[in-house]
Amino acid sequence: MQLRKMNLYIVSLAATMVMAASLASAEERLKPFTLASKGAGDVAAIAADVKQRLGAAGFEVAGEYSPYANAHVIVVTSDSLKPESVPS
Protein backbone atom coordinates (compact mmCIF):
# COMPACT_ATOMS: atom_id res chain seq x y z
CA MET A 1 0.00 0.00 0.00
CA GLN A 2 2.86 2.39 0.83
CA LEU A 3 4.42 1.78 -2.58
CA ARG A 4 1.14 2.65 -4.29
CA LYS A 5 0.91 5.93 -2.34
CA MET A 6 4.51 6.75 -3.22
CA ASN A 7 3.87 6.09 -6.92
CA LEU A 8 0.77 8.31 -6.80
CA TYR A 9 2.80 11.04 -5.14
CA ILE A 10 5.55 10.83 -7.76
CA VAL A 11 3.07 10.91 -10.64
CA SER A 12 1.26 13.89 -9.09
CA LEU A 13 4.52 15.74 -8.57
CA ALA A 14 5.62 15.05 -12.14
CA ALA A 15 2.27 16.25 -13.51
CA THR A 16 2.51 19.44 -11.46
CA MET A 17 6.02 20.11 -12.75
CA VAL A 18 4.94 19.58 -16.37
CA MET A 19 1.98 21.95 -15.92
CA ALA A 20 4.20 24.59 -14.29
CA ALA A 21 6.72 24.33 -17.13
CA SER A 22 4.00 24.67 -19.77
CA LEU A 23 2.56 27.73 -18.01
CA ALA A 24 5.99 29.33 -17.85
CA SER A 25 6.56 28.78 -21.57
CA ALA A 26 3.05 30.01 -22.41
CA GLU A 27 3.83 33.34 -20.75
CA GLU A 28 6.69 33.87 -23.19
CA ARG A 29 4.48 33.60 -26.26
CA LEU A 30 3.12 36.52 -28.22
CA LYS A 31 -0.42 37.62 -27.56
CA PRO A 32 -2.46 36.89 -30.71
CA PHE A 33 -5.15 39.46 -29.99
CA THR A 34 -5.99 42.45 -27.84
CA LEU A 35 -9.41 43.77 -26.88
CA ALA A 36 -8.87 47.39 -27.84
CA SER A 37 -12.23 48.84 -26.91
CA LYS A 38 -15.40 47.83 -25.15
CA GLY A 39 -17.98 50.49 -24.65
CA ALA A 40 -20.59 52.73 -26.16
CA GLY A 41 -20.23 54.23 -29.60
CA ASP A 42 -20.67 53.57 -33.29
CA VAL A 43 -18.66 50.45 -34.13
CA ALA A 44 -17.90 51.58 -37.68
CA ALA A 45 -16.64 54.98 -36.51
CA ILE A 46 -14.51 53.44 -33.76
CA ALA A 47 -13.07 50.88 -36.21
CA ALA A 48 -12.19 53.65 -38.68
CA ASP A 49 -10.46 55.64 -35.91
CA VAL A 50 -8.54 52.58 -34.73
CA LYS A 51 -7.39 51.77 -38.29
CA GLN A 52 -6.21 55.38 -38.74
CA ARG A 53 -4.28 55.27 -35.47
CA LEU A 54 -2.74 51.89 -36.28
CA GLY A 55 -1.64 53.20 -39.68
CA ALA A 56 -0.07 56.26 -38.04
CA ALA A 57 1.81 53.93 -35.69
CA GLY A 58 3.32 51.99 -38.59
CA PHE A 59 0.91 49.06 -38.74
CA GLU A 60 -0.72 47.76 -41.92
CA VAL A 61 -4.27 46.40 -41.93
CA ALA A 62 -4.01 42.83 -43.21
CA GLY A 63 -7.72 42.09 -42.91
CA GLU A 64 -10.87 42.79 -40.95
CA TYR A 65 -14.28 41.27 -40.33
CA SER A 66 -17.36 41.55 -38.15
CA PRO A 67 -18.07 38.18 -36.51
CA TYR A 68 -21.37 39.40 -35.05
CA ALA A 69 -23.35 42.61 -34.47
CA ASN A 70 -21.48 45.38 -32.66
CA ALA A 71 -18.11 43.65 -33.00
CA HIS A 72 -15.28 44.31 -35.41
CA VAL A 73 -11.95 42.49 -35.70
CA ILE A 74 -8.98 44.24 -37.30
CA VAL A 75 -5.94 42.14 -38.21
CA VAL A 76 -2.68 44.05 -38.51
CA THR A 77 0.93 43.46 -39.36
CA SER A 78 4.05 45.57 -39.74
CA ASP A 79 7.37 45.39 -41.49
CA SER A 80 9.04 44.36 -38.22
CA LEU A 81 6.48 41.58 -37.60
CA LYS A 82 6.59 40.04 -41.09
CA PRO A 83 10.03 38.39 -40.68
CA GLU A 84 8.80 36.79 -37.43
CA SER A 85 5.97 34.95 -39.16
CA VAL A 86 6.35 31.35 -40.20
CA PRO A 87 6.60 30.98 -43.97
CA SER A 88 3.55 29.23 -45.33
C-alpha atoms as a PDB file:
ATOM      1  CA  MET A   1       0.000   0.000   0.000  1.00  0.00           C
ATOM      2  CA  GLN A   2       2.859   2.386   0.826  1.00  0.00           C
ATOM      3  CA  LEU A   3       4.418   1.777  -2.576  1.00  0.00           C
ATOM      4  CA  ARG A   4       1.138   2.647  -4.285  1.00  0.00           C
ATOM      5  CA  LYS A   5       0.906   5.931  -2.344  1.00  0.00           C
ATOM      6  CA  MET A   6       4.508   6.749  -3.221  1.00  0.00           C
ATOM      7  CA  ASN A   7       3.870   6.088  -6.923  1.00  0.00           C
ATOM      8  CA  LEU A   8       0.770   8.306  -6.803  1.00  0.00           C
ATOM      9  CA  TYR A   9       2.800  11.043  -5.139  1.00  0.00           C
ATOM     10  CA  ILE A  10       5.552  10.828  -7.763  1.00  0.00           C
ATOM     11  CA  VAL A  11       3.069  10.906 -10.644  1.00  0.00           C
ATOM     12  CA  SER A  12       1.263  13.888  -9.087  1.00  0.00           C
ATOM     13  CA  LEU A  13       4.523  15.738  -8.568  1.00  0.00           C
ATOM     14  CA  ALA A  14       5.619  15.052 -12.144  1.00  0.00           C
ATOM     15  CA  ALA A  15       2.268  16.248 -13.511  1.00  0.00           C
ATOM     16  CA  THR A  16       2.508  19.444 -11.455  1.00  0.00           C
ATOM     17  CA  MET A  17       6.017  20.105 -12.750  1.00  0.00           C
ATOM     18  CA  VAL A  18       4.935  19.582 -16.372  1.00  0.00           C
ATOM     19  CA  MET A  19       1.980  21.948 -15.917  1.00  0.00           C
ATOM     20  CA  ALA A  20       4.204  24.587 -14.291  1.00  0.00           C
ATOM     21  CA  ALA A  21       6.715  24.331 -17.130  1.00  0.00           C
ATOM     22  CA  SER A  22       3.998  24.670 -19.772  1.00  0.00           C
ATOM     23  CA  LEU A  23       2.561  27.734 -18.014  1.00  0.00           C
ATOM     24  CA  ALA A  24       5.987  29.329 -17.852  1.00  0.00           C
ATOM     25  CA  SER A  25       6.564  28.782 -21.569  1.00  0.00           C
ATOM     26  CA  ALA A  26       3.051  30.009 -22.408  1.00  0.00           C
ATOM     27  CA  GLU A  27       3.834  33.340 -20.746  1.00  0.00           C
ATOM     28  CA  GLU A  28       6.690  33.872 -23.192  1.00  0.00           C
ATOM     29  CA  ARG A  29       4.481  33.602 -26.258  1.00  0.00           C
ATOM     30  CA  LEU A  30       3.119  36.515 -28.217  1.00  0.00           C
ATOM     31  CA  LYS A  31      -0.425  37.624 -27.565  1.00  0.00           C
ATOM     32  CA  PRO A  32      -2.455  36.892 -30.713  1.00  0.00           C
ATOM     33  CA  PHE A  33      -5.150  39.460 -29.986  1.00  0.00           C
ATOM     34  CA  THR A  34      -5.995  42.451 -27.844  1.00  0.00           C
ATOM     35  CA  LEU A  35      -9.410  43.766 -26.877  1.00  0.00           C
ATOM     36  CA  ALA A  36      -8.870  47.389 -27.839  1.00  0.00           C
ATOM     37  CA  SER A  37     -12.227  48.843 -26.906  1.00  0.00           C
ATOM     38  CA  LYS A  38     -15.398  47.834 -25.148  1.00  0.00           C
ATOM     39  CA  GLY A  39     -17.980  50.494 -24.651  1.00  0.00           C
ATOM     40  CA  ALA A  40     -20.593  52.731 -26.158  1.00  0.00           C
ATOM     41  CA  GLY A  41     -20.231  54.232 -29.601  1.00  0.00           C
ATOM     42  CA  ASP A  42     -20.667  53.567 -33.285  1.00  0.00           C
ATOM     43  CA  VAL A  43     -18.660  50.448 -34.126  1.00  0.00           C
ATOM     44  CA  ALA A  44     -17.902  51.582 -37.684  1.00  0.00           C
ATOM     45  CA  ALA A  45     -16.640  54.982 -36.507  1.00  0.00           C
ATOM     46  CA  ILE A  46     -14.515  53.441 -33.761  1.00  0.00           C
ATOM     47  CA  ALA A  47     -13.073  50.883 -36.208  1.00  0.00           C
ATOM     48  CA  ALA A  48     -12.195  53.653 -38.680  1.00  0.00           C
ATOM     49  CA  ASP A  49     -10.463  55.642 -35.912  1.00  0.00           C
ATOM     50  CA  VAL A  50      -8.543  52.575 -34.729  1.00  0.00           C
ATOM     51  CA  LYS A  51      -7.386  51.774 -38.287  1.00  0.00           C
ATOM     52  CA  GLN A  52      -6.213  55.375 -38.740  1.00  0.00           C
ATOM     53  CA  ARG A  53      -4.277  55.270 -35.471  1.00  0.00           C
ATOM     54  CA  LEU A  54      -2.743  51.893 -36.280  1.00  0.00           C
ATOM     55  CA  GLY A  55      -1.635  53.202 -39.678  1.00  0.00           C
ATOM     56  CA  ALA A  56      -0.069  56.260 -38.041  1.00  0.00           C
ATOM     57  CA  ALA A  57       1.812  53.930 -35.686  1.00  0.00           C
ATOM     58  CA  GLY A  58       3.323  51.988 -38.589  1.00  0.00           C
ATOM     59  CA  PHE A  59       0.905  49.060 -38.744  1.00  0.00           C
ATOM     60  CA  GLU A  60      -0.724  47.764 -41.920  1.00  0.00           C
ATOM     61  CA  VAL A  61      -4.270  46.399 -41.930  1.00  0.00           C
ATOM     62  CA  ALA A  62      -4.005  42.828 -43.214  1.00  0.00           C
ATOM     63  CA  GLY A  63      -7.718  42.093 -42.906  1.00  0.00           C
ATOM     64  CA  GLU A  64     -10.872  42.787 -40.955  1.00  0.00           C
ATOM     65  CA  TYR A  65     -14.276  41.273 -40.333  1.00  0.00           C
ATOM     66  CA  SER A  66     -17.358  41.549 -38.151  1.00  0.00           C
ATOM     67  CA  PRO A  67     -18.068  38.182 -36.513  1.00  0.00           C
ATOM     68  CA  TYR A  68     -21.370  39.401 -35.046  1.00  0.00           C
ATOM     69  CA  ALA A  69     -23.353  42.608 -34.470  1.00  0.00           C
ATOM     70  CA  ASN A  70     -21.479  45.380 -32.656  1.00  0.00           C
ATOM     71  CA  ALA A  71     -18.114  43.647 -32.999  1.00  0.00           C
ATOM     72  CA  HIS A  72     -15.277  44.307 -35.415  1.00  0.00           C
ATOM     73  CA  VAL A  73     -11.950  42.492 -35.702  1.00  0.00           C
ATOM     74  CA  ILE A  74      -8.978  44.245 -37.297  1.00  0.00           C
ATOM     75  CA  VAL A  75      -5.939  42.145 -38.211  1.00  0.00           C
ATOM     76  CA  VAL A  76      -2.676  44.054 -38.510  1.00  0.00           C
ATOM     77  CA  THR A  77       0.932  43.457 -39.356  1.00  0.00           C
ATOM     78  CA  SER A  78       4.048  45.573 -39.740  1.00  0.00           C
ATOM     79  CA  ASP A  79       7.374  45.395 -41.492  1.00  0.00           C
ATOM     80  CA  SER A  80       9.036  44.362 -38.218  1.00  0.00           C
ATOM     81  CA  LEU A  81       6.485  41.577 -37.604  1.00  0.00           C
ATOM     82  CA  LYS A  82       6.592  40.041 -41.085  1.00  0.00           C
ATOM     83  CA  PRO A  83      10.034  38.387 -40.680  1.00  0.00           C
ATOM     84  CA  GLU A  84       8.804  36.792 -37.429  1.00  0.00           C
ATOM     85  CA  SER A  85       5.966  34.947 -39.163  1.00  0.00           C
ATOM     86  CA  VAL A  86       6.347  31.348 -40.199  1.00  0.00           C
ATOM     87  CA  PRO A  87       6.597  30.979 -43.966  1.00  0.00           C
ATOM     88  CA  SER A  88       3.549  29.230 -45.328  1.00  0.00           C
END
